[in-house]
Amino acid sequence: MSFSCFIKLFVAAIVVSVIGSYAIQLVGLDAIHPSSLFASGLTLGTIFGGLLVALYPSGESSGSKESGTSNIYVGNLPFNVGNEEIKNIFSPFGDVVDIRLVKDRRSRRFKGYAFVEMNTPNAKAAIEHLNDTDYAGRTLRVNEAKKRDED
């Protein structure tokens, strides 16, 4: 489960707790201890939030075809490039969902390529327009990332 799912669950739990406390006051059941009410609201909010996350996924998962996003390979990048520069390159074509800079495990230096996740129609437009273009004196290689075998 992604971090954004936990955030959604937490927000839903808090919202249901707050709404519940006001609803109890309106109904006139003020005798219920506030901590019990809040704990019950958190439980119900977590259940409600879980249902929301299950019924309305955000499309941020790594299963790109199911979520409507595509993973794009971007190669031949300058070694001093950062997330913000890559986002600036791709954002004219649509919202950038995720950027993963690939670094060497030992030296922790950027290897010169990255993966960008975007909505599929936007990703196709970005690939078409950005492949073989010049960026900071280097010819970018931009194409759909190949699925990695996870055997």
N, C-alpha and C. Protein backbone atom coordinates (compact mmCIF):
# COMPACT_ATOMS: atom_id res chain seq x y z
N MET A 1 0.86 -1.17 0.00
CA MET A 1 0.00 0.00 0.00
C MET A 1 0.90 1.23 0.00
N SER A 2 0.58 2.20 -0.82
CA SER A 2 1.42 3.39 -0.94
C SER A 2 1.16 4.37 0.19
N PHE A 3 2.09 5.30 0.31
CA PHE A 3 1.99 6.33 1.34
C PHE A 3 0.73 7.16 1.17
N SER A 4 0.34 7.44 -0.08
CA SER A 4 -0.86 8.24 -0.32
C SER A 4 -2.12 7.53 0.17
N CYS A 5 -2.13 6.19 0.12
CA CYS A 5 -3.28 5.44 0.65
C CYS A 5 -3.38 5.62 2.15
N PHE A 6 -2.24 5.59 2.85
CA PHE A 6 -2.25 5.81 4.29
C PHE A 6 -2.75 7.21 4.63
N ILE A 7 -2.35 8.17 3.83
CA ILE A 7 -2.79 9.55 4.05
C ILE A 7 -4.31 9.63 3.89
N LYS A 8 -4.83 9.00 2.83
CA LYS A 8 -6.28 9.01 2.60
C LYS A 8 -7.02 8.36 3.75
N LEU A 9 -6.50 7.22 4.24
CA LEU A 9 -7.14 6.54 5.36
C LEU A 9 -7.14 7.42 6.61
N PHE A 10 -6.01 8.06 6.87
CA PHE A 10 -5.89 8.92 8.04
C PHE A 10 -6.86 10.10 7.96
N VAL A 11 -6.91 10.75 6.80
CA VAL A 11 -7.81 11.89 6.62
C VAL A 11 -9.26 11.46 6.78
N ALA A 12 -9.62 10.33 6.17
CA ALA A 12 -11.00 9.84 6.29
C ALA A 12 -11.34 9.54 7.74
N ALA A 13 -10.40 8.95 8.48
CA ALA A 13 -10.65 8.63 9.88
C ALA A 13 -10.87 9.90 10.71
N ILE A 14 -10.05 10.90 10.48
CA ILE A 14 -10.20 12.16 11.23
C ILE A 14 -11.51 12.84 10.87
N VAL A 15 -11.85 12.87 9.59
CA VAL A 15 -13.10 13.53 9.16
C VAL A 15 -14.31 12.84 9.78
N VAL A 16 -14.33 11.51 9.75
CA VAL A 16 -15.47 10.79 10.34
C VAL A 16 -15.53 11.03 11.85
N SER A 17 -14.38 11.10 12.51
CA SER A 17 -14.36 11.36 13.95
C SER A 17 -14.95 12.73 14.27
N VAL A 18 -14.54 13.74 13.53
CA VAL A 18 -15.04 15.10 13.78
C VAL A 18 -16.53 15.19 13.49
N ILE A 19 -16.95 14.63 12.35
CA ILE A 19 -18.38 14.65 12.00
C ILE A 19 -19.19 13.90 13.06
N GLY A 20 -18.63 12.78 13.52
CA GLY A 20 -19.32 11.99 14.55
C GLY A 20 -19.49 12.76 15.84
N SER A 21 -18.46 13.51 16.23
CA SER A 21 -18.59 14.25 17.50
C SER A 21 -19.67 15.32 17.39
N TYR A 22 -19.77 16.00 16.25
CA TYR A 22 -20.83 17.00 16.07
C TYR A 22 -22.20 16.34 15.97
N ALA A 23 -22.26 15.20 15.31
CA ALA A 23 -23.54 14.51 15.17
C ALA A 23 -24.05 14.04 16.53
N ILE A 24 -23.17 13.55 17.38
CA ILE A 24 -23.58 13.09 18.72
C ILE A 24 -24.10 14.27 19.54
N GLN A 25 -23.46 15.42 19.41
CA GLN A 25 -23.93 16.60 20.15
C GLN A 25 -25.30 17.04 19.65
N LEU A 26 -25.52 16.94 18.33
CA LEU A 26 -26.82 17.33 17.78
C LEU A 26 -27.93 16.38 18.22
N VAL A 27 -27.60 15.11 18.32
CA VAL A 27 -28.60 14.11 18.70
C VAL A 27 -28.87 14.17 20.19
N GLY A 28 -27.92 14.67 20.97
CA GLY A 28 -28.15 14.81 22.40
C GLY A 28 -27.55 13.68 23.22
N LEU A 29 -26.63 12.96 22.67
CA LEU A 29 -25.98 11.88 23.41
C LEU A 29 -24.64 12.35 23.98
N ASP A 30 -24.68 13.48 24.68
CA ASP A 30 -23.46 14.07 25.22
C ASP A 30 -22.84 13.25 26.34
N ALA A 31 -23.53 12.24 26.83
CA ALA A 31 -23.02 11.44 27.94
C ALA A 31 -21.87 10.53 27.50
N ILE A 32 -21.70 10.32 26.20
CA ILE A 32 -20.61 9.48 25.70
C ILE A 32 -19.31 10.23 25.90
N HIS A 33 -18.34 9.56 26.48
CA HIS A 33 -17.03 10.18 26.74
C HIS A 33 -16.36 10.53 25.41
N PRO A 34 -15.77 11.74 25.29
CA PRO A 34 -15.17 12.17 24.03
C PRO A 34 -14.08 11.23 23.49
N SER A 35 -13.27 10.65 24.39
CA SER A 35 -12.22 9.76 23.91
C SER A 35 -12.80 8.49 23.30
N SER A 36 -13.90 7.98 23.87
CA SER A 36 -14.55 6.80 23.29
C SER A 36 -15.15 7.14 21.94
N LEU A 37 -15.74 8.31 21.86
CA LEU A 37 -16.33 8.76 20.60
C LEU A 37 -15.26 8.90 19.53
N PHE A 38 -14.12 9.50 19.90
CA PHE A 38 -13.04 9.70 18.94
C PHE A 38 -12.47 8.36 18.47
N ALA A 39 -12.28 7.43 19.40
CA ALA A 39 -11.75 6.11 19.04
C ALA A 39 -12.71 5.38 18.11
N SER A 40 -13.99 5.46 18.39
CA SER A 40 -14.99 4.83 17.51
C SER A 40 -14.97 5.48 16.13
N GLY A 41 -14.83 6.81 16.12
CA GLY A 41 -14.77 7.52 14.85
C GLY A 41 -13.55 7.14 14.05
N LEU A 42 -12.41 6.97 14.71
CA LEU A 42 -11.20 6.54 14.00
C LEU A 42 -11.38 5.16 13.39
N THR A 43 -12.00 4.27 14.15
CA THR A 43 -12.24 2.92 13.63
C THR A 43 -13.16 2.97 12.42
N LEU A 44 -14.28 3.67 12.55
CA LEU A 44 -15.22 3.77 11.43
C LEU A 44 -14.59 4.51 10.25
N GLY A 45 -13.82 5.56 10.54
CA GLY A 45 -13.16 6.31 9.48
C GLY A 45 -12.14 5.48 8.72
N THR A 46 -11.42 4.62 9.44
CA THR A 46 -10.45 3.74 8.79
C THR A 46 -11.16 2.75 7.87
N ILE A 47 -12.27 2.21 8.36
CA ILE A 47 -13.05 1.28 7.52
C ILE A 47 -13.60 2.01 6.30
N PHE A 48 -14.20 3.18 6.53
CA PHE A 48 -14.76 3.99 5.46
C PHE A 48 -13.67 4.41 4.47
N GLY A 49 -12.53 4.86 5.00
CA GLY A 49 -11.41 5.26 4.14
C GLY A 49 -10.87 4.09 3.33
N GLY A 50 -10.81 2.92 3.95
CA GLY A 50 -10.36 1.73 3.22
C GLY A 50 -11.28 1.41 2.06
N LEU A 51 -12.57 1.55 2.27
CA LEU A 51 -13.53 1.33 1.19
C LEU A 51 -13.34 2.37 0.08
N LEU A 52 -13.11 3.62 0.46
CA LEU A 52 -12.88 4.67 -0.55
C LEU A 52 -11.64 4.38 -1.37
N VAL A 53 -10.56 3.98 -0.71
CA VAL A 53 -9.32 3.69 -1.42
C VAL A 53 -9.50 2.49 -2.34
N ALA A 54 -10.25 1.49 -1.88
CA ALA A 54 -10.47 0.30 -2.71
C ALA A 54 -11.38 0.60 -3.90
N LEU A 55 -12.40 1.42 -3.70
CA LEU A 55 -13.36 1.71 -4.76
C LEU A 55 -12.87 2.76 -5.74
N TYR A 56 -12.06 3.71 -5.27
CA TYR A 56 -11.60 4.80 -6.12
C TYR A 56 -10.08 4.92 -6.07
N PRO A 57 -9.36 4.00 -6.71
CA PRO A 57 -7.90 4.08 -6.69
C PRO A 57 -7.43 5.35 -7.39
N SER A 58 -6.29 5.88 -6.93
CA SER A 58 -5.82 7.17 -7.43
C SER A 58 -5.01 7.07 -8.70
N GLY A 59 -4.57 5.88 -9.10
CA GLY A 59 -3.75 5.75 -10.29
C GLY A 59 -2.28 6.00 -10.02
N GLU A 60 -1.87 5.96 -8.77
CA GLU A 60 -0.48 6.20 -8.44
C GLU A 60 0.29 4.91 -8.24
N SER A 61 -0.33 3.81 -8.48
CA SER A 61 0.37 2.55 -8.26
C SER A 61 1.34 2.27 -9.39
N SER A 62 2.24 1.32 -9.16
CA SER A 62 3.24 1.04 -10.17
C SER A 62 2.72 0.13 -11.28
N GLY A 63 1.52 -0.45 -11.14
CA GLY A 63 0.94 -1.23 -12.21
C GLY A 63 0.44 -0.31 -13.29
N SER A 64 1.29 0.04 -14.24
CA SER A 64 1.03 1.18 -15.10
C SER A 64 -0.17 0.99 -16.01
N LYS A 65 -0.38 -0.16 -16.58
CA LYS A 65 -1.49 -0.31 -17.52
C LYS A 65 -2.84 -0.27 -16.82
N GLU A 66 -2.91 -0.86 -15.59
CA GLU A 66 -4.18 -0.86 -14.88
C GLU A 66 -4.57 0.53 -14.41
N SER A 67 -3.59 1.35 -14.07
CA SER A 67 -3.89 2.64 -13.47
C SER A 67 -3.98 3.77 -14.50
N GLY A 68 -3.70 3.48 -15.78
CA GLY A 68 -3.79 4.52 -16.79
C GLY A 68 -2.54 5.36 -16.89
N THR A 69 -1.44 4.89 -16.30
CA THR A 69 -0.18 5.62 -16.42
C THR A 69 0.83 4.77 -17.17
N SER A 70 1.82 5.45 -17.72
CA SER A 70 2.91 4.78 -18.42
C SER A 70 4.23 5.19 -17.81
N ASN A 71 5.16 4.27 -17.84
CA ASN A 71 6.49 4.52 -17.33
C ASN A 71 7.39 4.84 -18.53
N ILE A 72 8.11 5.95 -18.46
CA ILE A 72 8.93 6.43 -19.57
C ILE A 72 10.40 6.35 -19.17
N TYR A 73 11.21 5.77 -20.05
CA TYR A 73 12.66 5.75 -19.87
C TYR A 73 13.22 7.04 -20.47
N VAL A 74 14.08 7.73 -19.73
CA VAL A 74 14.73 8.95 -20.21
C VAL A 74 16.23 8.75 -20.05
N GLY A 75 16.92 8.61 -21.17
CA GLY A 75 18.35 8.36 -21.13
C GLY A 75 19.17 9.50 -21.70
N ASN A 76 20.48 9.42 -21.45
CA ASN A 76 21.47 10.39 -21.91
C ASN A 76 21.24 11.77 -21.26
N LEU A 77 20.81 11.75 -20.01
CA LEU A 77 20.62 12.99 -19.26
C LEU A 77 21.96 13.48 -18.73
N PRO A 78 22.11 14.79 -18.56
CA PRO A 78 23.32 15.31 -17.93
C PRO A 78 23.43 14.75 -16.49
N PHE A 79 24.66 14.56 -16.02
CA PHE A 79 24.85 13.94 -14.71
C PHE A 79 24.49 14.86 -13.55
N ASN A 80 24.31 16.14 -13.82
CA ASN A 80 23.94 17.07 -12.75
C ASN A 80 22.45 17.41 -12.74
N VAL A 81 21.65 16.69 -13.49
CA VAL A 81 20.22 16.96 -13.57
C VAL A 81 19.53 16.48 -12.28
N GLY A 82 18.44 17.15 -11.91
CA GLY A 82 17.68 16.77 -10.73
C GLY A 82 16.21 16.57 -11.06
N ASN A 83 15.44 16.20 -10.06
CA ASN A 83 14.00 15.95 -10.26
C ASN A 83 13.29 17.16 -10.85
N GLU A 84 13.62 18.34 -10.36
CA GLU A 84 12.92 19.55 -10.81
C GLU A 84 13.16 19.82 -12.30
N GLU A 85 14.39 19.62 -12.75
CA GLU A 85 14.70 19.83 -14.17
C GLU A 85 13.94 18.83 -15.04
N ILE A 86 13.91 17.57 -14.60
CA ILE A 86 13.18 16.55 -15.37
C ILE A 86 11.69 16.87 -15.39
N LYS A 87 11.16 17.29 -14.26
CA LYS A 87 9.74 17.66 -14.21
C LYS A 87 9.46 18.81 -15.17
N ASN A 88 10.37 19.78 -15.23
CA ASN A 88 10.19 20.91 -16.15
C ASN A 88 10.22 20.47 -17.61
N ILE A 89 10.98 19.45 -17.93
CA ILE A 89 11.04 18.93 -19.31
C ILE A 89 9.71 18.29 -19.69
N PHE A 90 9.12 17.52 -18.76
CA PHE A 90 7.93 16.74 -19.08
C PHE A 90 6.61 17.43 -18.78
N SER A 91 6.59 18.40 -17.89
CA SER A 91 5.33 19.01 -17.48
C SER A 91 4.55 19.72 -18.59
N PRO A 92 5.19 20.22 -19.68
CA PRO A 92 4.36 20.79 -20.75
C PRO A 92 3.42 19.77 -21.41
N PHE A 93 3.68 18.48 -21.20
CA PHE A 93 2.86 17.44 -21.83
C PHE A 93 1.82 16.89 -20.88
N GLY A 94 1.83 17.30 -19.61
CA GLY A 94 0.85 16.82 -18.64
C GLY A 94 1.47 16.66 -17.27
N ASP A 95 0.65 16.22 -16.33
CA ASP A 95 1.11 16.04 -14.96
C ASP A 95 2.09 14.89 -14.86
N VAL A 96 3.17 15.12 -14.15
CA VAL A 96 4.17 14.08 -13.89
C VAL A 96 3.79 13.42 -12.57
N VAL A 97 3.53 12.12 -12.61
CA VAL A 97 3.10 11.39 -11.42
C VAL A 97 4.30 11.05 -10.53
N ASP A 98 5.40 10.61 -11.15
CA ASP A 98 6.56 10.17 -10.37
C ASP A 98 7.83 10.29 -11.22
N ILE A 99 8.94 10.57 -10.55
CA ILE A 99 10.26 10.62 -11.20
C ILE A 99 11.20 9.78 -10.36
N ARG A 100 11.91 8.86 -10.99
CA ARG A 100 12.89 8.03 -10.29
C ARG A 100 14.24 8.17 -10.98
N LEU A 101 15.16 8.88 -10.33
CA LEU A 101 16.52 9.00 -10.84
C LEU A 101 17.27 7.72 -10.48
N VAL A 102 18.00 7.15 -11.42
CA VAL A 102 18.73 5.92 -11.17
C VAL A 102 20.15 6.27 -10.75
N LYS A 103 20.54 5.76 -9.57
CA LYS A 103 21.86 6.04 -9.02
C LYS A 103 22.64 4.74 -8.85
N ASP A 104 23.96 4.86 -8.92
CA ASP A 104 24.84 3.73 -8.69
C ASP A 104 24.73 3.33 -7.22
N ARG A 105 24.66 2.04 -6.95
CA ARG A 105 24.47 1.58 -5.58
C ARG A 105 25.65 1.91 -4.68
N ARG A 106 26.85 1.81 -5.21
CA ARG A 106 28.03 2.05 -4.37
C ARG A 106 28.35 3.52 -4.23
N SER A 107 28.48 4.22 -5.35
CA SER A 107 28.90 5.63 -5.29
C SER A 107 27.74 6.58 -5.03
N ARG A 108 26.51 6.13 -5.22
CA ARG A 108 25.30 6.96 -5.07
C ARG A 108 25.27 8.11 -6.06
N ARG A 109 26.04 8.00 -7.15
CA ARG A 109 26.02 9.03 -8.19
C ARG A 109 24.96 8.70 -9.23
N PHE A 110 24.39 9.75 -9.79
CA PHE A 110 23.38 9.61 -10.83
C PHE A 110 24.00 8.95 -12.06
N LYS A 111 23.31 7.96 -12.63
CA LYS A 111 23.84 7.20 -13.76
C LYS A 111 23.56 7.83 -15.12
N GLY A 112 22.73 8.86 -15.19
CA GLY A 112 22.45 9.51 -16.47
C GLY A 112 21.14 9.09 -17.09
N TYR A 113 20.33 8.33 -16.35
CA TYR A 113 19.00 8.00 -16.87
C TYR A 113 18.00 7.96 -15.72
N ALA A 114 16.73 8.10 -16.10
CA ALA A 114 15.66 8.17 -15.10
C ALA A 114 14.40 7.55 -15.69
N PHE A 115 13.42 7.37 -14.83
CA PHE A 115 12.10 6.90 -15.24
C PHE A 115 11.08 7.93 -14.79
N VAL A 116 10.20 8.27 -15.71
CA VAL A 116 9.15 9.26 -15.44
C VAL A 116 7.81 8.57 -15.65
N GLU A 117 6.90 8.75 -14.70
CA GLU A 117 5.57 8.17 -14.83
C GLU A 117 4.56 9.29 -15.08
N MET A 118 3.77 9.09 -16.14
CA MET A 118 2.74 10.08 -16.53
C MET A 118 1.49 9.32 -16.96
N ASN A 119 0.37 10.04 -17.08
CA ASN A 119 -0.83 9.44 -17.67
C ASN A 119 -0.50 9.01 -19.09
N THR A 120 -1.04 7.88 -19.52
CA THR A 120 -0.66 7.27 -20.79
C THR A 120 -0.76 8.21 -22.00
N PRO A 121 -1.89 8.93 -22.21
CA PRO A 121 -1.93 9.81 -23.39
C PRO A 121 -0.85 10.90 -23.35
N ASN A 122 -0.62 11.45 -22.16
CA ASN A 122 0.42 12.47 -22.01
C ASN A 122 1.80 11.88 -22.22
N ALA A 123 2.00 10.67 -21.75
CA ALA A 123 3.30 10.00 -21.89
C ALA A 123 3.61 9.77 -23.36
N LYS A 124 2.63 9.35 -24.13
CA LYS A 124 2.85 9.11 -25.55
C LYS A 124 3.24 10.41 -26.26
N ALA A 125 2.58 11.50 -25.91
CA ALA A 125 2.90 12.80 -26.51
C ALA A 125 4.32 13.24 -26.11
N ALA A 126 4.67 13.03 -24.85
CA ALA A 126 6.00 13.40 -24.38
C ALA A 126 7.08 12.59 -25.11
N ILE A 127 6.86 11.30 -25.25
CA ILE A 127 7.83 10.44 -25.95
C ILE A 127 8.00 10.91 -27.38
N GLU A 128 6.88 11.15 -28.05
CA GLU A 128 6.91 11.57 -29.45
C GLU A 128 7.67 12.89 -29.64
N HIS A 129 7.46 13.83 -28.73
CA HIS A 129 8.06 15.15 -28.89
C HIS A 129 9.48 15.28 -28.31
N LEU A 130 9.81 14.49 -27.31
CA LEU A 130 11.09 14.68 -26.63
C LEU A 130 12.21 13.74 -27.09
N ASN A 131 11.86 12.61 -27.70
CA ASN A 131 12.91 11.68 -28.13
C ASN A 131 13.79 12.35 -29.19
N ASP A 132 15.09 12.18 -29.06
CA ASP A 132 16.10 12.72 -29.98
C ASP A 132 16.14 14.25 -29.99
N THR A 133 15.70 14.87 -28.89
CA THR A 133 15.83 16.33 -28.79
C THR A 133 17.05 16.67 -27.94
N ASP A 134 17.53 17.90 -28.09
CA ASP A 134 18.72 18.34 -27.37
C ASP A 134 18.32 18.93 -26.02
N TYR A 135 19.03 18.51 -24.97
CA TYR A 135 18.85 19.10 -23.65
C TYR A 135 20.23 19.25 -23.03
N ALA A 136 20.63 20.46 -22.77
CA ALA A 136 21.93 20.78 -22.16
C ALA A 136 23.08 20.14 -22.94
N GLY A 137 22.98 20.18 -24.26
CA GLY A 137 24.06 19.67 -25.10
C GLY A 137 24.06 18.17 -25.28
N ARG A 138 23.02 17.49 -24.84
CA ARG A 138 22.95 16.03 -24.97
C ARG A 138 21.65 15.66 -25.69
N THR A 139 21.71 14.62 -26.50
CA THR A 139 20.52 14.15 -27.22
C THR A 139 19.77 13.17 -26.33
N LEU A 140 18.57 13.54 -25.92
CA LEU A 140 17.77 12.70 -25.04
C LEU A 140 17.27 11.45 -25.76
N ARG A 141 17.23 10.37 -25.05
CA ARG A 141 16.61 9.13 -25.51
C ARG A 141 15.37 8.93 -24.64
N VAL A 142 14.21 9.05 -25.25
CA VAL A 142 12.95 8.98 -24.51
C VAL A 142 12.07 7.94 -25.17
N ASN A 143 11.73 6.89 -24.43
CA ASN A 143 10.81 5.88 -24.94
C ASN A 143 10.10 5.18 -23.80
N GLU A 144 9.11 4.38 -24.15
CA GLU A 144 8.36 3.66 -23.12
C GLU A 144 9.29 2.66 -22.46
N ALA A 145 9.29 2.65 -21.14
CA ALA A 145 10.16 1.75 -20.39
C ALA A 145 9.69 0.32 -20.58
N LYS A 146 10.66 -0.57 -20.71
CA LYS A 146 10.35 -2.00 -20.82
C LYS A 146 10.09 -2.55 -19.44
N LYS A 147 9.15 -3.47 -19.36
CA LYS A 147 8.85 -4.10 -18.07
C LYS A 147 10.03 -4.93 -17.62
N ARG A 148 10.35 -4.81 -16.35
CA ARG A 148 11.45 -5.58 -15.78
C ARG A 148 10.91 -6.94 -15.36
N ASP A 149 11.64 -7.99 -15.69
CA ASP A 149 11.22 -9.34 -15.26
C ASP A 149 11.50 -9.49 -13.78
N GLU A 150 10.47 -9.79 -13.02
CA GLU A 150 10.58 -9.91 -11.57
C GLU A 150 10.51 -11.37 -11.15
N ASP A 151 11.29 -12.21 -11.80
CA ASP A 151 11.26 -13.65 -11.49
C ASP A 151 11.97 -13.96 -10.21
